[in-house]
Amino acid sequence: MKKILADVRVGGIVADWLDRGVVTPRGNPWQWTNLMGMLRNPDCAVTAAG
């Protein structure tokens, strides 16, 4: 979340995750559309205050 608040592009976050081998909960490689869907989902919402 810190990277998003720091104005890092979603594609950059996904590229970092791919480089580090981070996968989705289903075990697939991340795509920017997966991350955008998650960020837009109110069930996954968090607040900056924590």
PDB file of N, CA and C in Angstrom:
ATOM      1  N   MET A   1       0.810  -1.176   0.000  1.00  0.00           N
ATOM      2  CA  MET A   1       0.000   0.000   0.000  1.00  0.00           C
ATOM      3  C   MET A   1       0.864   1.255   0.000  1.00  0.00           C
ATOM      4  N   LYS A   2       2.007   1.199   0.639  1.00  0.00           N
ATOM      5  CA  LYS A   2       2.882   2.372   0.681  1.00  0.00           C
ATOM      6  C   LYS A   2       3.293   2.800  -0.719  1.00  0.00           C
ATOM      7  N   LYS A   3       3.557   1.827  -1.607  1.00  0.00           N
ATOM      8  CA  LYS A   3       3.964   2.163  -2.976  1.00  0.00           C
ATOM      9  C   LYS A   3       2.835   2.848  -3.722  1.00  0.00           C
ATOM     10  N   ILE A   4       1.617   2.406  -3.506  1.00  0.00           N
ATOM     11  CA  ILE A   4       0.479   3.029  -4.187  1.00  0.00           C
ATOM     12  C   ILE A   4       0.303   4.449  -3.684  1.00  0.00           C
ATOM     13  N   LEU A   5       0.402   4.637  -2.380  1.00  0.00           N
ATOM     14  CA  LEU A   5       0.285   5.977  -1.817  1.00  0.00           C
ATOM     15  C   LEU A   5       1.448   6.861  -2.232  1.00  0.00           C
ATOM     16  N   ALA A   6       2.588   6.262  -2.558  1.00  0.00           N
ATOM     17  CA  ALA A   6       3.758   7.018  -3.007  1.00  0.00           C
ATOM     18  C   ALA A   6       3.709   7.294  -4.503  1.00  0.00           C
ATOM     19  N   ASP A   7       2.585   6.990  -5.153  1.00  0.00           N
ATOM     20  CA  ASP A   7       2.358   7.264  -6.567  1.00  0.00           C
ATOM     21  C   ASP A   7       3.219   6.406  -7.488  1.00  0.00           C
ATOM     22  N   VAL A   8       3.499   5.177  -7.074  1.00  0.00           N
ATOM     23  CA  VAL A   8       4.177   4.219  -7.944  1.00  0.00           C
ATOM     24  C   VAL A   8       3.118   3.617  -8.863  1.00  0.00           C
ATOM     25  N   ARG A   9       3.429   3.478 -10.136  1.00  0.00           N
ATOM     26  CA  ARG A   9       2.455   2.937 -11.090  1.00  0.00           C
ATOM     27  C   ARG A   9       2.183   1.462 -10.813  1.00  0.00           C
ATOM     28  N   VAL A  10       0.938   1.076 -11.082  1.00  0.00           N
ATOM     29  CA  VAL A  10       0.523  -0.310 -10.849  1.00  0.00           C
ATOM     30  C   VAL A  10       1.410  -1.275 -11.624  1.00  0.00           C
ATOM     31  N   GLY A  11       1.751  -0.924 -12.853  1.00  0.00           N
ATOM     32  CA  GLY A  11       2.627  -1.783 -13.654  1.00  0.00           C
ATOM     33  C   GLY A  11       3.982  -1.989 -13.003  1.00  0.00           C
ATOM     34  N   GLY A  12       4.479  -0.971 -12.317  1.00  0.00           N
ATOM     35  CA  GLY A  12       5.753  -1.081 -11.612  1.00  0.00           C
ATOM     36  C   GLY A  12       5.664  -2.009 -10.418  1.00  0.00           C
ATOM     37  N   ILE A  13       4.535  -1.956  -9.726  1.00  0.00           N
ATOM     38  CA  ILE A  13       4.326  -2.845  -8.582  1.00  0.00           C
ATOM     39  C   ILE A  13       4.246  -4.290  -9.069  1.00  0.00           C
ATOM     40  N   VAL A  14       3.483  -4.507 -10.142  1.00  0.00           N
ATOM     41  CA  VAL A  14       3.343  -5.860 -10.687  1.00  0.00           C
ATOM     42  C   VAL A  14       4.692  -6.377 -11.175  1.00  0.00           C
ATOM     43  N   ALA A  15       5.458  -5.542 -11.847  1.00  0.00           N
ATOM     44  CA  ALA A  15       6.786  -5.960 -12.322  1.00  0.00           C
ATOM     45  C   ALA A  15       7.673  -6.368 -11.149  1.00  0.00           C
ATOM     46  N   ASP A  16       7.612  -5.616 -10.058  1.00  0.00           N
ATOM     47  CA  ASP A  16       8.392  -5.946  -8.864  1.00  0.00           C
ATOM     48  C   ASP A  16       7.953  -7.289  -8.293  1.00  0.00           C
ATOM     49  N   TRP A  17       6.643  -7.509  -8.218  1.00  0.00           N
ATOM     50  CA  TRP A  17       6.135  -8.777  -7.707  1.00  0.00           C
ATOM     51  C   TRP A  17       6.552  -9.939  -8.595  1.00  0.00           C
ATOM     52  N   LEU A  18       6.497  -9.746  -9.905  1.00  0.00           N
ATOM     53  CA  LEU A  18       6.909 -10.808 -10.829  1.00  0.00           C
ATOM     54  C   LEU A  18       8.384 -11.138 -10.656  1.00  0.00           C
ATOM     55  N   ASP A  19       9.206 -10.099 -10.497  1.00  0.00           N
ATOM     56  CA  ASP A  19      10.644 -10.310 -10.276  1.00  0.00           C
ATOM     57  C   ASP A  19      10.912 -11.095  -8.999  1.00  0.00           C
ATOM     58  N   ARG A  20      10.077 -10.871  -7.988  1.00  0.00           N
ATOM     59  CA  ARG A  20      10.269 -11.541  -6.699  1.00  0.00           C
ATOM     60  C   ARG A  20       9.516 -12.859  -6.583  1.00  0.00           C
ATOM     61  N   GLY A  21       8.769 -13.227  -7.631  1.00  0.00           N
ATOM     62  CA  GLY A  21       8.070 -14.506  -7.620  1.00  0.00           C
ATOM     63  C   GLY A  21       6.769 -14.515  -6.842  1.00  0.00           C
ATOM     64  N   VAL A  22       6.217 -13.330  -6.558  1.00  0.00           N
ATOM     65  CA  VAL A  22       4.937 -13.246  -5.848  1.00  0.00           C
ATOM     66  C   VAL A  22       3.823 -13.642  -6.805  1.00  0.00           C
ATOM     67  N   VAL A  23       2.923 -14.508  -6.359  1.00  0.00           N
ATOM     68  CA  VAL A  23       1.816 -14.966  -7.202  1.00  0.00           C
ATOM     69  C   VAL A  23       0.479 -14.570  -6.576  1.00  0.00           C
ATOM     70  N   THR A  24      -0.583 -14.668  -7.357  1.00  0.00           N
ATOM     71  CA  THR A  24      -1.929 -14.382  -6.871  1.00  0.00           C
ATOM     72  C   THR A  24      -2.349 -15.470  -5.886  1.00  0.00           C
ATOM     73  N   PRO A  25      -3.448 -15.266  -5.161  1.00  0.00           N
ATOM     74  CA  PRO A  25      -3.923 -16.315  -4.258  1.00  0.00           C
ATOM     75  C   PRO A  25      -4.213 -17.640  -4.965  1.00  0.00           C
ATOM     76  N   ARG A  26      -4.464 -17.581  -6.261  1.00  0.00           N
ATOM     77  CA  ARG A  26      -4.700 -18.811  -7.028  1.00  0.00           C
ATOM     78  C   ARG A  26      -3.420 -19.402  -7.598  1.00  0.00           C
ATOM     79  N   GLY A  27      -2.279 -18.773  -7.311  1.00  0.00           N
ATOM     80  CA  GLY A  27      -0.999 -19.299  -7.756  1.00  0.00           C
ATOM     81  C   GLY A  27      -0.567 -18.859  -9.142  1.00  0.00           C
ATOM     82  N   ASN A  28      -1.264 -17.881  -9.709  1.00  0.00           N
ATOM     83  CA  ASN A  28      -0.925 -17.392 -11.045  1.00  0.00           C
ATOM     84  C   ASN A  28      -0.039 -16.156 -10.959  1.00  0.00           C
ATOM     85  N   PRO A  29       0.717 -15.869 -12.017  1.00  0.00           N
ATOM     86  CA  PRO A  29       1.485 -14.624 -12.034  1.00  0.00           C
ATOM     87  C   PRO A  29       0.539 -13.418 -12.031  1.00  0.00           C
ATOM     88  N   TRP A  30       0.968 -12.362 -11.377  1.00  0.00           N
ATOM     89  CA  TRP A  30       0.159 -11.147 -11.333  1.00  0.00           C
ATOM     90  C   TRP A  30       0.142 -10.463 -12.689  1.00  0.00           C
ATOM     91  N   GLN A  31      -0.990  -9.819 -12.973  1.00  0.00           N
ATOM     92  CA  GLN A  31      -1.136  -8.927 -14.116  1.00  0.00           C
ATOM     93  C   GLN A  31      -1.699  -7.625 -13.552  1.00  0.00           C
ATOM     94  N   TRP A  32      -1.447  -6.519 -14.254  1.00  0.00           N
ATOM     95  CA  TRP A  32      -1.914  -5.251 -13.701  1.00  0.00           C
ATOM     96  C   TRP A  32      -3.428  -5.225 -13.562  1.00  0.00           C
ATOM     97  N   THR A  33      -4.144  -5.944 -14.428  1.00  0.00           N
ATOM     98  CA  THR A  33      -5.603  -5.978 -14.325  1.00  0.00           C
ATOM     99  C   THR A  33      -6.053  -6.683 -13.042  1.00  0.00           C
ATOM    100  N   ASN A  34      -5.305  -7.715 -12.606  1.00  0.00           N
ATOM    101  CA  ASN A  34      -5.627  -8.391 -11.341  1.00  0.00           C
ATOM    102  C   ASN A  34      -5.493  -7.421 -10.169  1.00  0.00           C
ATOM    103  N   LEU A  35      -4.389  -6.688 -10.155  1.00  0.00           N
ATOM    104  CA  LEU A  35      -4.139  -5.761  -9.055  1.00  0.00           C
ATOM    105  C   LEU A  35      -5.154  -4.623  -9.064  1.00  0.00           C
ATOM    106  N   MET A  36      -5.470  -4.081 -10.233  1.00  0.00           N
ATOM    107  CA  MET A  36      -6.454  -3.001 -10.318  1.00  0.00           C
ATOM    108  C   MET A  36      -7.824  -3.488  -9.830  1.00  0.00           C
ATOM    109  N   GLY A  37      -8.198  -4.699 -10.194  1.00  0.00           N
ATOM    110  CA  GLY A  37      -9.463  -5.247  -9.724  1.00  0.00           C
ATOM    111  C   GLY A  37      -9.498  -5.377  -8.214  1.00  0.00           C
ATOM    112  N   MET A  38      -8.388  -5.812  -7.653  1.00  0.00           N
ATOM    113  CA  MET A  38      -8.312  -5.950  -6.210  1.00  0.00           C
ATOM    114  C   MET A  38      -8.387  -4.579  -5.534  1.00  0.00           C
ATOM    115  N   LEU A  39      -7.696  -3.606  -6.073  1.00  0.00           N
ATOM    116  CA  LEU A  39      -7.692  -2.274  -5.472  1.00  0.00           C
ATOM    117  C   LEU A  39      -9.063  -1.608  -5.557  1.00  0.00           C
ATOM    118  N   ARG A  40      -9.816  -1.924  -6.579  1.00  0.00           N
ATOM    119  CA  ARG A  40     -11.149  -1.332  -6.753  1.00  0.00           C
ATOM    120  C   ARG A  40     -12.233  -2.080  -5.992  1.00  0.00           C
ATOM    121  N   ASN A  41     -11.919  -3.230  -5.446  1.00  0.00           N
ATOM    122  CA  ASN A  41     -12.895  -4.056  -4.743  1.00  0.00           C
ATOM    123  C   ASN A  41     -13.089  -3.516  -3.331  1.00  0.00           C
ATOM    124  N   PRO A  42     -14.317  -3.076  -2.998  1.00  0.00           N
ATOM    125  CA  PRO A  42     -14.539  -2.534  -1.645  1.00  0.00           C
ATOM    126  C   PRO A  42     -14.300  -3.565  -0.547  1.00  0.00           C
ATOM    127  N   ASP A  43     -14.392  -4.832  -0.839  1.00  0.00           N
ATOM    128  CA  ASP A  43     -14.115  -5.858   0.169  1.00  0.00           C
ATOM    129  C   ASP A  43     -12.636  -5.914   0.522  1.00  0.00           C
ATOM    130  N   CYS A  44     -11.777  -5.368  -0.326  1.00  0.00           N
ATOM    131  CA  CYS A  44     -10.337  -5.358  -0.063  1.00  0.00           C
ATOM    132  C   CYS A  44      -9.852  -3.983   0.405  1.00  0.00           C
ATOM    133  N   ALA A  45     -10.774  -3.076   0.650  1.00  0.00           N
ATOM    134  CA  ALA A  45     -10.414  -1.702   0.969  1.00  0.00           C
ATOM    135  C   ALA A  45      -9.695  -1.612   2.315  1.00  0.00           C
ATOM    136  N   VAL A  46      -8.706  -0.754   2.352  1.00  0.00           N
ATOM    137  CA  VAL A  46      -7.992  -0.426   3.595  1.00  0.00           C
ATOM    138  C   VAL A  46      -7.890   1.088   3.668  1.00  0.00           C
ATOM    139  N   THR A  47      -7.618   1.580   4.824  1.00  0.00           N
ATOM    140  CA  THR A  47      -7.447   3.024   4.964  1.00  0.00           C
ATOM    141  C   THR A  47      -5.981   3.345   5.160  1.00  0.00           C
ATOM    142  N   ALA A  48      -5.597   4.520   4.732  1.00  0.00           N
ATOM    143  CA  ALA A  48      -4.217   4.951   4.893  1.00  0.00           C
ATOM    144  C   ALA A  48      -3.869   5.103   6.369  1.00  0.00           C
ATOM    145  N   ALA A  49      -4.861   5.387   7.190  1.00  0.00           N
ATOM    146  CA  ALA A  49      -4.628   5.542   8.630  1.00  0.00           C
ATOM    147  C   ALA A  49      -4.405   4.197   9.311  1.00  0.00           C
ATOM    148  N   GLY A  50      -4.764   3.124   8.624  1.00  0.00           N
ATOM    149  CA  GLY A  50      -4.429   1.828   9.140  1.00  0.00           C
ATOM    150  C   GLY A  50      -5.497   1.043   9.751  1.00  0.00           C
TER     151      GLY A  50
END
